[in-house]
Amino acid sequence: MTYDAFADLAFAALDDLPDPVLAWLDNVEVVVEDWPSRAQLRSAGVPRGETLFGLYEGVPLTERTSDYGMVLPDKVTLFRGPILDACDTPAEVADEVRRTVIHELAHHFGIDDERLIALDKY
């Protein structure tokens, strides 16, 4: 799958979000990269030999204080290579991209992996 087709899936996943959710994403950038860097894997605590489908980098809404401002946008990165390696069909890729976008945006809203596991959404 081409980079552009993959990115289109990410943007379609964003477009499908309800308007109230989209309203809280005004300072969030969603990007596509081919593979996570070693630094990204380290920062996410990913064990050697494993990889990431996505990564949220920023300050979750629940941790922001009144002095939050004048900062770069939060960033959600989708990693094309690992997702394509894990999926067998274009439909599986689309489902995983959507799932990963929602998962990473949950972090923006202050929902950690432990809570996502408890909700059966990890």
PDB file of N, CA and C in Angstrom:
ATOM      1  N   MET A   1       0.854  -1.180   0.000  1.00  0.00           N
ATOM      2  CA  MET A   1       0.000   0.000   0.000  1.00  0.00           C
ATOM      3  C   MET A   1       0.893   1.235   0.000  1.00  0.00           C
ATOM      4  N   THR A   2       0.558   2.184  -0.841  1.00  0.00           N
ATOM      5  CA  THR A   2       1.365   3.401  -0.943  1.00  0.00           C
ATOM      6  C   THR A   2       1.221   4.250   0.311  1.00  0.00           C
ATOM      7  N   TYR A   3       2.178   5.132   0.484  1.00  0.00           N
ATOM      8  CA  TYR A   3       2.139   6.076   1.599  1.00  0.00           C
ATOM      9  C   TYR A   3       0.851   6.898   1.549  1.00  0.00           C
ATOM     10  N   ASP A   4       0.520   7.420   0.374  1.00  0.00           N
ATOM     11  CA  ASP A   4      -0.669   8.266   0.240  1.00  0.00           C
ATOM     12  C   ASP A   4      -1.954   7.509   0.563  1.00  0.00           C
ATOM     13  N   ALA A   5      -2.071   6.272   0.112  1.00  0.00           N
ATOM     14  CA  ALA A   5      -3.265   5.474   0.407  1.00  0.00           C
ATOM     15  C   ALA A   5      -3.365   5.200   1.905  1.00  0.00           C
ATOM     16  N   PHE A   6      -2.232   4.929   2.540  1.00  0.00           N
ATOM     17  CA  PHE A   6      -2.215   4.693   3.977  1.00  0.00           C
ATOM     18  C   PHE A   6      -2.613   5.968   4.726  1.00  0.00           C
ATOM     19  N   ALA A   7      -2.048   7.099   4.327  1.00  0.00           N
ATOM     20  CA  ALA A   7      -2.388   8.375   4.965  1.00  0.00           C
ATOM     21  C   ALA A   7      -3.875   8.686   4.788  1.00  0.00           C
ATOM     22  N   ASP A   8      -4.425   8.365   3.630  1.00  0.00           N
ATOM     23  CA  ASP A   8      -5.858   8.579   3.404  1.00  0.00           C
ATOM     24  C   ASP A   8      -6.704   7.785   4.409  1.00  0.00           C
ATOM     25  N   LEU A   9      -6.243   6.580   4.759  1.00  0.00           N
ATOM     26  CA  LEU A   9      -6.958   5.786   5.763  1.00  0.00           C
ATOM     27  C   LEU A   9      -6.925   6.477   7.124  1.00  0.00           C
ATOM     28  N   ALA A  10      -5.784   7.067   7.446  1.00  0.00           N
ATOM     29  CA  ALA A  10      -5.665   7.777   8.729  1.00  0.00           C
ATOM     30  C   ALA A  10      -6.598   8.979   8.764  1.00  0.00           C
ATOM     31  N   PHE A  11      -6.631   9.729   7.683  1.00  0.00           N
ATOM     32  CA  PHE A  11      -7.497  10.907   7.639  1.00  0.00           C
ATOM     33  C   PHE A  11      -8.972  10.513   7.624  1.00  0.00           C
ATOM     34  N   ALA A  12      -9.290   9.390   6.995  1.00  0.00           N
ATOM     35  CA  ALA A  12     -10.669   8.901   7.006  1.00  0.00           C
ATOM     36  C   ALA A  12     -11.081   8.510   8.427  1.00  0.00           C
ATOM     37  N   ALA A  13     -10.157   7.910   9.169  1.00  0.00           N
ATOM     38  CA  ALA A  13     -10.451   7.552  10.561  1.00  0.00           C
ATOM     39  C   ALA A  13     -10.729   8.802  11.383  1.00  0.00           C
ATOM     40  N   LEU A  14      -9.981   9.856  11.132  1.00  0.00           N
ATOM     41  CA  LEU A  14     -10.219  11.128  11.836  1.00  0.00           C
ATOM     42  C   LEU A  14     -11.564  11.724  11.433  1.00  0.00           C
ATOM     43  N   ASP A  15     -11.855  11.689  10.143  1.00  0.00           N
ATOM     44  CA  ASP A  15     -13.116  12.252   9.650  1.00  0.00           C
ATOM     45  C   ASP A  15     -14.337  11.546  10.233  1.00  0.00           C
ATOM     46  N   ASP A  16     -14.173  10.274  10.611  1.00  0.00           N
ATOM     47  CA  ASP A  16     -15.283   9.491  11.161  1.00  0.00           C
ATOM     48  C   ASP A  16     -15.551   9.782  12.639  1.00  0.00           C
ATOM     49  N   LEU A  17     -14.661  10.534  13.278  1.00  0.00           N
ATOM     50  CA  LEU A  17     -14.857  10.828  14.700  1.00  0.00           C
ATOM     51  C   LEU A  17     -16.020  11.797  14.887  1.00  0.00           C
ATOM     52  N   PRO A  18     -16.731  11.680  15.993  1.00  0.00           N
ATOM     53  CA  PRO A  18     -17.838  12.613  16.263  1.00  0.00           C
ATOM     54  C   PRO A  18     -17.326  14.045  16.417  1.00  0.00           C
ATOM     55  N   ASP A  19     -18.139  15.004  16.036  1.00  0.00           N
ATOM     56  CA  ASP A  19     -17.755  16.415  16.117  1.00  0.00           C
ATOM     57  C   ASP A  19     -17.277  16.850  17.499  1.00  0.00           C
ATOM     58  N   PRO A  20     -17.913  16.407  18.588  1.00  0.00           N
ATOM     59  CA  PRO A  20     -17.411  16.823  19.908  1.00  0.00           C
ATOM     60  C   PRO A  20     -15.974  16.354  20.179  1.00  0.00           C
ATOM     61  N   VAL A  21     -15.625  15.188  19.666  1.00  0.00           N
ATOM     62  CA  VAL A  21     -14.247  14.701  19.826  1.00  0.00           C
ATOM     63  C   VAL A  21     -13.307  15.540  18.962  1.00  0.00           C
ATOM     64  N   LEU A  22     -13.685  15.775  17.735  1.00  0.00           N
ATOM     65  CA  LEU A  22     -12.855  16.584  16.832  1.00  0.00           C
ATOM     66  C   LEU A  22     -12.584  17.975  17.397  1.00  0.00           C
ATOM     67  N   ALA A  23     -13.534  18.519  18.127  1.00  0.00           N
ATOM     68  CA  ALA A  23     -13.370  19.858  18.695  1.00  0.00           C
ATOM     69  C   ALA A  23     -12.225  19.916  19.692  1.00  0.00           C
ATOM     70  N   TRP A  24     -11.884  18.797  20.292  1.00  0.00           N
ATOM     71  CA  TRP A  24     -10.797  18.751  21.272  1.00  0.00           C
ATOM     72  C   TRP A  24      -9.444  18.416  20.631  1.00  0.00           C
ATOM     73  N   LEU A  25      -9.391  18.367  19.316  1.00  0.00           N
ATOM     74  CA  LEU A  25      -8.153  17.991  18.620  1.00  0.00           C
ATOM     75  C   LEU A  25      -7.537  19.153  17.852  1.00  0.00           C
ATOM     76  N   ASP A  26      -7.836  20.386  18.280  1.00  0.00           N
ATOM     77  CA  ASP A  26      -7.369  21.532  17.506  1.00  0.00           C
ATOM     78  C   ASP A  26      -5.861  21.751  17.582  1.00  0.00           C
ATOM     79  N   ASN A  27      -5.164  21.131  18.527  1.00  0.00           N
ATOM     80  CA  ASN A  27      -3.711  21.285  18.617  1.00  0.00           C
ATOM     81  C   ASN A  27      -3.048  19.907  18.586  1.00  0.00           C
ATOM     82  N   VAL A  28      -3.587  19.025  17.733  1.00  0.00           N
ATOM     83  CA  VAL A  28      -3.048  17.675  17.578  1.00  0.00           C
ATOM     84  C   VAL A  28      -2.725  17.456  16.104  1.00  0.00           C
ATOM     85  N   GLU A  29      -1.529  17.008  15.859  1.00  0.00           N
ATOM     86  CA  GLU A  29      -1.084  16.705  14.498  1.00  0.00           C
ATOM     87  C   GLU A  29      -1.027  15.189  14.343  1.00  0.00           C
ATOM     88  N   VAL A  30      -1.589  14.675  13.266  1.00  0.00           N
ATOM     89  CA  VAL A  30      -1.515  13.242  12.972  1.00  0.00           C
ATOM     90  C   VAL A  30      -0.628  13.073  11.757  1.00  0.00           C
ATOM     91  N   VAL A  31       0.412  12.260  11.917  1.00  0.00           N
ATOM     92  CA  VAL A  31       1.386  12.054  10.844  1.00  0.00           C
ATOM     93  C   VAL A  31       1.599  10.563  10.615  1.00  0.00           C
ATOM     94  N   VAL A  32       2.132  10.248   9.456  1.00  0.00           N
ATOM     95  CA  VAL A  32       2.476   8.872   9.114  1.00  0.00           C
ATOM     96  C   VAL A  32       3.980   8.804   8.883  1.00  0.00           C
ATOM     97  N   GLU A  33       4.605   7.840   9.516  1.00  0.00           N
ATOM     98  CA  GLU A  33       6.020   7.542   9.270  1.00  0.00           C
ATOM     99  C   GLU A  33       6.109   6.066   8.906  1.00  0.00           C
ATOM    100  N   ASP A  34       7.187   5.714   8.218  1.00  0.00           N
ATOM    101  CA  ASP A  34       7.320   4.316   7.822  1.00  0.00           C
ATOM    102  C   ASP A  34       7.590   3.398   9.007  1.00  0.00           C
ATOM    103  N   TRP A  35       8.541   3.759   9.865  1.00  0.00           N
ATOM    104  CA  TRP A  35       8.924   2.915  11.000  1.00  0.00           C
ATOM    105  C   TRP A  35       9.229   3.784  12.215  1.00  0.00           C
ATOM    106  N   PRO A  36       9.020   3.253  13.419  1.00  0.00           N
ATOM    107  CA  PRO A  36       9.415   4.011  14.606  1.00  0.00           C
ATOM    108  C   PRO A  36      10.943   4.042  14.727  1.00  0.00           C
ATOM    109  N   SER A  37      11.436   5.151  15.234  1.00  0.00           N
ATOM    110  CA  SER A  37      12.873   5.255  15.483  1.00  0.00           C
ATOM    111  C   SER A  37      13.214   4.518  16.779  1.00  0.00           C
ATOM    112  N   ARG A  38      14.488   4.288  17.000  1.00  0.00           N
ATOM    113  CA  ARG A  38      14.911   3.669  18.261  1.00  0.00           C
ATOM    114  C   ARG A  38      14.510   4.532  19.443  1.00  0.00           C
ATOM    115  N   ALA A  39      14.637   5.845  19.280  1.00  0.00           N
ATOM    116  CA  ALA A  39      14.255   6.756  20.365  1.00  0.00           C
ATOM    117  C   ALA A  39      12.760   6.645  20.665  1.00  0.00           C
ATOM    118  N   GLN A  40      11.938   6.531  19.631  1.00  0.00           N
ATOM    119  CA  GLN A  40      10.498   6.390  19.847  1.00  0.00           C
ATOM    120  C   GLN A  40      10.176   5.061  20.532  1.00  0.00           C
ATOM    121  N   LEU A  41      10.844   4.005  20.126  1.00  0.00           N
ATOM    122  CA  LEU A  41      10.631   2.708  20.764  1.00  0.00           C
ATOM    123  C   LEU A  41      11.034   2.762  22.234  1.00  0.00           C
ATOM    124  N   ARG A  42      12.175   3.402  22.501  1.00  0.00           N
ATOM    125  CA  ARG A  42      12.639   3.540  23.887  1.00  0.00           C
ATOM    126  C   ARG A  42      11.659   4.359  24.718  1.00  0.00           C
ATOM    127  N   SER A  43      11.219   5.493  24.175  1.00  0.00           N
ATOM    128  CA  SER A  43      10.327   6.369  24.943  1.00  0.00           C
ATOM    129  C   SER A  43       8.994   5.691  25.246  1.00  0.00           C
ATOM    130  N   ALA A  44       8.581   4.778  24.394  1.00  0.00           N
ATOM    131  CA  ALA A  44       7.330   4.057  24.611  1.00  0.00           C
ATOM    132  C   ALA A  44       7.533   2.792  25.447  1.00  0.00           C
ATOM    133  N   GLY A  45       8.785   2.494  25.782  1.00  0.00           N
ATOM    134  CA  GLY A  45       9.065   1.314  26.591  1.00  0.00           C
ATOM    135  C   GLY A  45       8.859   0.002  25.864  1.00  0.00           C
ATOM    136  N   VAL A  46       9.080   0.015  24.554  1.00  0.00           N
ATOM    137  CA  VAL A  46       8.874  -1.194  23.749  1.00  0.00           C
ATOM    138  C   VAL A  46      10.107  -2.083  23.858  1.00  0.00           C
ATOM    139  N   PRO A  47       9.928  -3.339  24.257  1.00  0.00           N
ATOM    140  CA  PRO A  47      11.063  -4.251  24.368  1.00  0.00           C
ATOM    141  C   PRO A  47      11.741  -4.480  23.021  1.00  0.00           C
ATOM    142  N   ARG A  48      13.023  -4.766  23.080  1.00  0.00           N
ATOM    143  CA  ARG A  48      13.800  -5.043  21.867  1.00  0.00           C
ATOM    144  C   ARG A  48      13.147  -6.175  21.080  1.00  0.00           C
ATOM    145  N   GLY A  49      13.062  -5.986  19.777  1.00  0.00           N
ATOM    146  CA  GLY A  49      12.473  -6.993  18.909  1.00  0.00           C
ATOM    147  C   GLY A  49      10.983  -6.805  18.663  1.00  0.00           C
ATOM    148  N   GLU A  50      10.361  -5.898  19.412  1.00  0.00           N
ATOM    149  CA  GLU A  50       8.952  -5.594  19.194  1.00  0.00           C
ATOM    150  C   GLU A  50       8.850  -4.219  18.555  1.00  0.00           C
ATOM    151  N   THR A  51       7.663  -3.843  18.139  1.00  0.00           N
ATOM    152  CA  THR A  51       7.505  -2.560  17.461  1.00  0.00           C
ATOM    153  C   THR A  51       6.198  -1.889  17.870  1.00  0.00           C
ATOM    154  N   LEU A  52       5.953  -0.759  17.266  1.00  0.00           N
ATOM    155  CA  LEU A  52       4.763   0.045  17.554  1.00  0.00           C
ATOM    156  C   LEU A  52       3.927   0.228  16.308  1.00  0.00           C
ATOM    157  N   PHE A  53       2.622   0.316  16.488  1.00  0.00           N
ATOM    158  CA  PHE A  53       1.733   0.717  15.401  1.00  0.00           C
ATOM    159  C   PHE A  53       1.510   2.216  15.433  1.00  0.00           C
ATOM    160  N   GLY A  54       1.551   2.802  16.628  1.00  0.00           N
ATOM    161  CA  GLY A  54       1.330   4.235  16.758  1.00  0.00           C
ATOM    162  C   GLY A  54       1.933   4.763  18.039  1.00  0.00           C
ATOM    163  N   LEU A  55       2.061   6.089  18.112  1.00  0.00           N
ATOM    164  CA  LEU A  55       2.655   6.724  19.284  1.00  0.00           C
ATOM    165  C   LEU A  55       2.044   8.102  19.482  1.00  0.00           C
ATOM    166  N   TYR A  56       1.640   8.375  20.716  1.00  0.00           N
ATOM    167  CA  TYR A  56       1.170   9.712  21.094  1.00  0.00           C
ATOM    168  C   TYR A  56       2.302  10.419  21.823  1.00  0.00           C
ATOM    169  N   GLU A  57       2.614  11.622  21.379  1.00  0.00           N
ATOM    170  CA  GLU A  57       3.614  12.447  22.041  1.00  0.00           C
ATOM    171  C   GLU A  57       2.979  13.795  22.331  1.00  0.00           C
ATOM    172  N   GLY A  58       2.915  14.142  23.595  1.00  0.00           N
ATOM    173  CA  GLY A  58       2.316  15.407  23.978  1.00  0.00           C
ATOM    174  C   GLY A  58       1.934  15.410  25.438  1.00  0.00           C
ATOM    175  N   VAL A  59       1.149  16.387  25.799  1.00  0.00           N
ATOM    176  CA  VAL A  59       0.642  16.523  27.164  1.00  0.00           C
ATOM    177  C   VAL A  59      -0.854  16.217  27.126  1.00  0.00           C
ATOM    178  N   PRO A  60      -1.270  15.114  27.765  1.00  0.00           N
ATOM    179  CA  PRO A  60      -2.694  14.776  27.754  1.00  0.00           C
ATOM    180  C   PRO A  60      -3.539  15.911  28.341  1.00  0.00           C
ATOM    181  N   LEU A  61      -4.748  16.022  27.849  1.00  0.00           N
ATOM    182  CA  LEU A  61      -5.650  17.078  28.321  1.00  0.00           C
ATOM    183  C   LEU A  61      -5.818  17.050  29.838  1.00  0.00           C
ATOM    184  N   THR A  62      -5.805  15.858  30.421  1.00  0.00           N
ATOM    185  CA  THR A  62      -6.011  15.727  31.854  1.00  0.00           C
ATOM    186  C   THR A  62      -4.816  16.189  32.680  1.00  0.00           C
ATOM    187  N   GLU A  63      -3.674  16.411  32.039  1.00  0.00           N
ATOM    188  CA  GLU A  63      -2.468  16.829  32.760  1.00  0.00           C
ATOM    189  C   GLU A  63      -2.110  18.289  32.508  1.00  0.00           C
ATOM    190  N   ARG A  64      -2.900  18.972  31.717  1.00  0.00           N
ATOM    191  CA  ARG A  64      -2.598  20.365  31.405  1.00  0.00           C
ATOM    192  C   ARG A  64      -3.031  21.270  32.552  1.00  0.00           C
ATOM    193  N   THR A  65      -2.209  22.276  32.793  1.00  0.00           N
ATOM    194  CA  THR A  65      -2.524  23.244  33.832  1.00  0.00           C
ATOM    195  C   THR A  65      -2.828  24.588  33.182  1.00  0.00           C
ATOM    196  N   SER A  66      -3.100  25.568  33.990  1.00  0.00           N
ATOM    197  CA  SER A  66      -3.451  26.889  33.464  1.00  0.00           C
ATOM    198  C   SER A  66      -2.295  27.559  32.731  1.00  0.00           C
ATOM    199  N   ASP A  67      -1.072  27.106  32.964  1.00  0.00           N
ATOM    200  CA  ASP A  67       0.064  27.713  32.258  1.00  0.00           C
ATOM    201  C   ASP A  67       0.397  26.993  30.949  1.00  0.00           C
ATOM    202  N   TYR A  68      -0.453  26.055  30.534  1.00  0.00           N
ATOM    203  CA  TYR A  68      -0.238  25.361  29.269  1.00  0.00           C
ATOM    204  C   TYR A  68      -0.530  26.323  28.123  1.00  0.00           C
ATOM    205  N   GLY A  69       0.412  26.504  27.259  1.00  0.00           N
ATOM    206  CA  GLY A  69       0.231  27.373  26.095  1.00  0.00           C
ATOM    207  C   GLY A  69       1.549  27.594  25.386  1.00  0.00           C
ATOM    208  N   MET A  70       1.466  28.121  24.199  1.00  0.00           N
ATOM    209  CA  MET A  70       2.659  28.412  23.401  1.00  0.00           C
ATOM    210  C   MET A  70       3.540  27.163  23.251  1.00  0.00           C
ATOM    211  N   VAL A  71       2.899  26.025  22.978  1.00  0.00           N
ATOM    212  CA  VAL A  71       3.622  24.767  22.825  1.00  0.00           C
ATOM    213  C   VAL A  71       3.354  24.202  21.430  1.00  0.00           C
ATOM    214  N   LEU A  72       4.250  23.353  21.005  1.00  0.00           N
ATOM    215  CA  LEU A  72       4.039  22.660  19.743  1.00  0.00           C
ATOM    216  C   LEU A  72       2.815  21.763  19.855  1.00  0.00           C
ATOM    217  N   PRO A  73       2.201  21.444  18.741  1.00  0.00           N
ATOM    218  CA  PRO A  73       1.036  20.547  18.797  1.00  0.00           C
ATOM    219  C   PRO A  73       1.413  19.176  19.351  1.00  0.00           C
ATOM    220  N   ASP A  74       0.459  18.543  20.011  1.00  0.00           N
ATOM    221  CA  ASP A  74       0.622  17.137  20.351  1.00  0.00           C
ATOM    222  C   ASP A  74       0.712  16.383  19.024  1.00  0.00           C
ATOM    223  N   LYS A  75       1.321  15.214  19.073  1.00  0.00           N
ATOM    224  CA  LYS A  75       1.563  14.490  17.821  1.00  0.00           C
ATOM    225  C   LYS A  75       1.157  13.029  17.976  1.00  0.00           C
ATOM    226  N   VAL A  76       0.370  12.565  17.031  1.00  0.00           N
ATOM    227  CA  VAL A  76       0.051  11.147  16.909  1.00  0.00           C
ATOM    228  C   VAL A  76       0.735  10.665  15.637  1.00  0.00           C
ATOM    229  N   THR A  77       1.593   9.673  15.815  1.00  0.00           N
ATOM    230  CA  THR A  77       2.312   9.109  14.670  1.00  0.00           C
ATOM    231  C   THR A  77       1.817   7.698  14.426  1.00  0.00           C
ATOM    232  N   LEU A  78       1.441   7.426  13.190  1.00  0.00           N
ATOM    233  CA  LEU A  78       1.095   6.068  12.762  1.00  0.00           C
ATOM    234  C   LEU A  78       2.283   5.506  12.002  1.00  0.00           C
ATOM    235  N   PHE A  79       2.635   4.263  12.318  1.00  0.00           N
ATOM    236  CA  PHE A  79       3.787   3.639  11.676  1.00  0.00           C
ATOM    237  C   PHE A  79       3.313   2.639  10.622  1.00  0.00           C
ATOM    238  N   ARG A  80       3.534   3.023   9.395  1.00  0.00           N
ATOM    239  CA  ARG A  80       3.027   2.293   8.240  1.00  0.00           C
ATOM    240  C   ARG A  80       3.615   0.884   8.136  1.00  0.00           C
ATOM    241  N   GLY A  81       4.924   0.758   8.276  1.00  0.00           N
ATOM    242  CA  GLY A  81       5.589  -0.543   8.110  1.00  0.00           C
ATOM    243  C   GLY A  81       5.056  -1.617   9.039  1.00  0.00           C
ATOM    244  N   PRO A  82       5.034  -1.365  10.353  1.00  0.00           N
ATOM    245  CA  PRO A  82       4.530  -2.398  11.263  1.00  0.00           C
ATOM    246  C   PRO A  82       3.069  -2.769  11.018  1.00  0.00           C
ATOM    247  N   ILE A  83       2.240  -1.788  10.690  1.00  0.00           N
ATOM    248  CA  ILE A  83       0.827  -2.091  10.432  1.00  0.00           C
ATOM    249  C   ILE A  83       0.695  -2.931   9.167  1.00  0.00           C
ATOM    250  N   LEU A  84       1.412  -2.559   8.113  1.00  0.00           N
ATOM    251  CA  LEU A  84       1.327  -3.341   6.874  1.00  0.00           C
ATOM    252  C   LEU A  84       1.861  -4.749   7.076  1.00  0.00           C
ATOM    253  N   ASP A  85       2.924  -4.893   7.884  1.00  0.00           N
ATOM    254  CA  ASP A  85       3.478  -6.226   8.155  1.00  0.00           C
ATOM    255  C   ASP A  85       2.495  -7.110   8.914  1.00  0.00           C
ATOM    256  N   ALA A  86       1.665  -6.506   9.761  1.00  0.00           N
ATOM    257  CA  ALA A  86       0.756  -7.278  10.612  1.00  0.00           C
ATOM    258  C   ALA A  86      -0.565  -7.615   9.932  1.00  0.00           C
ATOM    259  N   CYS A  87      -0.856  -6.961   8.820  1.00  0.00           N
ATOM    260  CA  CYS A  87      -2.156  -7.128   8.169  1.00  0.00           C
ATOM    261  C   CYS A  87      -2.017  -7.842   6.827  1.00  0.00           C
ATOM    262  N   ASP A  88      -3.017  -8.650   6.509  1.00  0.00           N
ATOM    263  CA  ASP A  88      -2.980  -9.428   5.266  1.00  0.00           C
ATOM    264  C   ASP A  88      -3.790  -8.822   4.128  1.00  0.00           C
ATOM    265  N   THR A  89      -4.765  -7.992   4.450  1.00  0.00           N
ATOM    266  CA  THR A  89      -5.640  -7.448   3.413  1.00  0.00           C
ATOM    267  C   THR A  89      -5.796  -5.937   3.602  1.00  0.00           C
ATOM    268  N   PRO A  90      -6.188  -5.240   2.554  1.00  0.00           N
ATOM    269  CA  PRO A  90      -6.456  -3.809   2.701  1.00  0.00           C
ATOM    270  C   PRO A  90      -7.524  -3.511   3.760  1.00  0.00           C
ATOM    271  N   ALA A  91      -8.515  -4.382   3.884  1.00  0.00           N
ATOM    272  CA  ALA A  91      -9.548  -4.171   4.902  1.00  0.00           C
ATOM    273  C   ALA A  91      -8.967  -4.277   6.309  1.00  0.00           C
ATOM    274  N   GLU A  92      -8.053  -5.222   6.507  1.00  0.00           N
ATOM    275  CA  GLU A  92      -7.396  -5.345   7.809  1.00  0.00           C
ATOM    276  C   GLU A  92      -6.554  -4.105   8.098  1.00  0.00           C
ATOM    277  N   VAL A  93      -5.864  -3.590   7.080  1.00  0.00           N
ATOM    278  CA  VAL A  93      -5.064  -2.379   7.257  1.00  0.00           C
ATOM    279  C   VAL A  93      -5.968  -1.224   7.671  1.00  0.00           C
ATOM    280  N   ALA A  94      -7.082  -1.052   6.982  1.00  0.00           N
ATOM    281  CA  ALA A  94      -8.015   0.035   7.309  1.00  0.00           C
ATOM    282  C   ALA A  94      -8.520  -0.102   8.741  1.00  0.00           C
ATOM    283  N   ASP A  95      -8.867  -1.311   9.160  1.00  0.00           N
ATOM    284  CA  ASP A  95      -9.344  -1.532  10.527  1.00  0.00           C
ATOM    285  C   ASP A  95      -8.262  -1.211  11.548  1.00  0.00           C
ATOM    286  N   GLU A  96      -7.039  -1.637  11.271  1.00  0.00           N
ATOM    287  CA  GLU A  96      -5.947  -1.399  12.220  1.00  0.00           C
ATOM    288  C   GLU A  96      -5.581   0.076  12.282  1.00  0.00           C
ATOM    289  N   VAL A  97      -5.598   0.753  11.164  1.00  0.00           N
ATOM    290  CA  VAL A  97      -5.323   2.193  11.170  1.00  0.00           C
ATOM    291  C   VAL A  97      -6.362   2.908  12.012  1.00  0.00           C
ATOM    292  N   ARG A  98      -7.624   2.586  11.813  1.00  0.00           N
ATOM    293  CA  ARG A  98      -8.697   3.213  12.595  1.00  0.00           C
ATOM    294  C   ARG A  98      -8.513   2.919  14.074  1.00  0.00           C
ATOM    295  N   ARG A  99      -8.254   1.674  14.408  1.00  0.00           N
ATOM    296  CA  ARG A  99      -8.063   1.267  15.799  1.00  0.00           C
ATOM    297  C   ARG A  99      -6.874   1.997  16.416  1.00  0.00           C
ATOM    298  N   THR A 100      -5.787   2.119  15.670  1.00  0.00           N
ATOM    299  CA  THR A 100      -4.583   2.772  16.187  1.00  0.00           C
ATOM    300  C   THR A 100      -4.811   4.268  16.375  1.00  0.00           C
ATOM    301  N   VAL A 101      -5.485   4.899  15.435  1.00  0.00           N
ATOM    302  CA  VAL A 101      -5.791   6.330  15.580  1.00  0.00           C
ATOM    303  C   VAL A 101      -6.592   6.556  16.858  1.00  0.00           C
ATOM    304  N   ILE A 102      -7.637   5.769  17.060  1.00  0.00           N
ATOM    305  CA  ILE A 102      -8.482   5.923  18.242  1.00  0.00           C
ATOM    306  C   ILE A 102      -7.687   5.642  19.519  1.00  0.00           C
ATOM    307  N   HIS A 103      -6.855   4.611  19.491  1.00  0.00           N
ATOM    308  CA  HIS A 103      -6.029   4.266  20.650  1.00  0.00           C
ATOM    309  C   HIS A 103      -5.107   5.423  21.030  1.00  0.00           C
ATOM    310  N   GLU A 104      -4.417   5.972  20.053  1.00  0.00           N
ATOM    311  CA  GLU A 104      -3.469   7.054  20.349  1.00  0.00           C
ATOM    312  C   GLU A 104      -4.194   8.330  20.770  1.00  0.00           C
ATOM    313  N   LEU A 105      -5.333   8.605  20.182  1.00  0.00           N
ATOM    314  CA  LEU A 105      -6.102   9.775  20.606  1.00  0.00           C
ATOM    315  C   LEU A 105      -6.642   9.596  22.023  1.00  0.00           C
ATOM    316  N   ALA A 106      -6.896   8.362  22.429  1.00  0.00           N
ATOM    317  CA  ALA A 106      -7.308   8.115  23.813  1.00  0.00           C
ATOM    318  C   ALA A 106      -6.232   8.620  24.771  1.00  0.00           C
ATOM    319  N   HIS A 107      -4.972   8.455  24.413  1.00  0.00           N
ATOM    320  CA  HIS A 107      -3.883   8.975  25.246  1.00  0.00           C
ATOM    321  C   HIS A 107      -3.944  10.497  25.340  1.00  0.00           C
ATOM    322  N   HIS A 108      -4.302  11.156  24.256  1.00  0.00           N
ATOM    323  CA  HIS A 108      -4.453  12.612  24.262  1.00  0.00           C
ATOM    324  C   HIS A 108      -5.526  13.024  25.280  1.00  0.00           C
ATOM    325  N   PHE A 109      -6.550  12.204  25.427  1.00  0.00           N
ATOM    326  CA  PHE A 109      -7.622  12.494  26.369  1.00  0.00           C
ATOM    327  C   PHE A 109      -7.313  11.996  27.785  1.00  0.00           C
ATOM    328  N   GLY A 110      -6.097  11.482  27.987  1.00  0.00           N
ATOM    329  CA  GLY A 110      -5.673  11.079  29.326  1.00  0.00           C
ATOM    330  C   GLY A 110      -5.975   9.644  29.684  1.00  0.00           C
ATOM    331  N   ILE A 111      -6.339   8.833  28.728  1.00  0.00           N
ATOM    332  CA  ILE A 111      -6.633   7.426  28.981  1.00  0.00           C
ATOM    333  C   ILE A 111      -5.367   6.622  28.720  1.00  0.00           C
ATOM    334  N   ASP A 112      -4.840   5.969  29.758  1.00  0.00           N
ATOM    335  CA  ASP A 112      -3.591   5.226  29.605  1.00  0.00           C
ATOM    336  C   ASP A 112      -3.855   3.785  29.166  1.00  0.00           C
ATOM    337  N   ASP A 113      -2.777   3.070  28.855  1.00  0.00           N
ATOM    338  CA  ASP A 113      -2.910   1.702  28.363  1.00  0.00           C
ATOM    339  C   ASP A 113      -3.608   0.792  29.372  1.00  0.00           C
ATOM    340  N   GLU A 114      -3.312   0.988  30.659  1.00  0.00           N
ATOM    341  CA  GLU A 114      -3.947   0.168  31.689  1.00  0.00           C
ATOM    342  C   GLU A 114      -5.474   0.304  31.636  1.00  0.00           C
ATOM    343  N   ARG A 115      -5.947   1.528  31.488  1.00  0.00           N
ATOM    344  CA  ARG A 115      -7.396   1.762  31.413  1.00  0.00           C
ATOM    345  C   ARG A 115      -7.970   1.212  30.108  1.00  0.00           C
ATOM    346  N   LEU A 116      -7.225   1.341  29.014  1.00  0.00           N
ATOM    347  CA  LEU A 116      -7.691   0.789  27.734  1.00  0.00           C
ATOM    348  C   LEU A 116      -7.810  -0.732  27.818  1.00  0.00           C
ATOM    349  N   ILE A 117      -6.882  -1.367  28.539  1.00  0.00           N
ATOM    350  CA  ILE A 117      -6.960  -2.814  28.736  1.00  0.00           C
ATOM    351  C   ILE A 117      -8.204  -3.146  29.543  1.00  0.00           C
ATOM    352  N   ALA A 118      -8.448  -2.379  30.610  1.00  0.00           N
ATOM    353  CA  ALA A 118      -9.623  -2.628  31.450  1.00  0.00           C
ATOM    354  C   ALA A 118     -10.920  -2.460  30.653  1.00  0.00           C
ATOM    355  N   LEU A 119     -10.916  -1.544  29.703  1.00  0.00           N
ATOM    356  CA  LEU A 119     -12.087  -1.315  28.859  1.00  0.00           C
ATOM    357  C   LEU A 119     -12.167  -2.287  27.683  1.00  0.00           C
ATOM    358  N   ASP A 120     -11.168  -3.180  27.591  1.00  0.00           N
ATOM    359  CA  ASP A 120     -11.057  -4.136  26.480  1.00  0.00           C
ATOM    360  C   ASP A 120     -10.921  -3.415  25.151  1.00  0.00           C
ATOM    361  N   LYS A 121     -10.176  -2.296  25.156  1.00  0.00           N
ATOM    362  CA  LYS A 121      -9.968  -1.499  23.948  1.00  0.00           C
ATOM    363  C   LYS A 121      -8.490  -1.400  23.571  1.00  0.00           C
ATOM    364  N   TYR A 122      -7.653  -2.243  24.164  1.00  0.00           N
ATOM    365  CA  TYR A 122      -6.228  -2.171  23.862  1.00  0.00           C
ATOM    366  C   TYR A 122      -5.900  -3.041  22.691  1.00  0.00           C
TER     367      TYR A 122
END
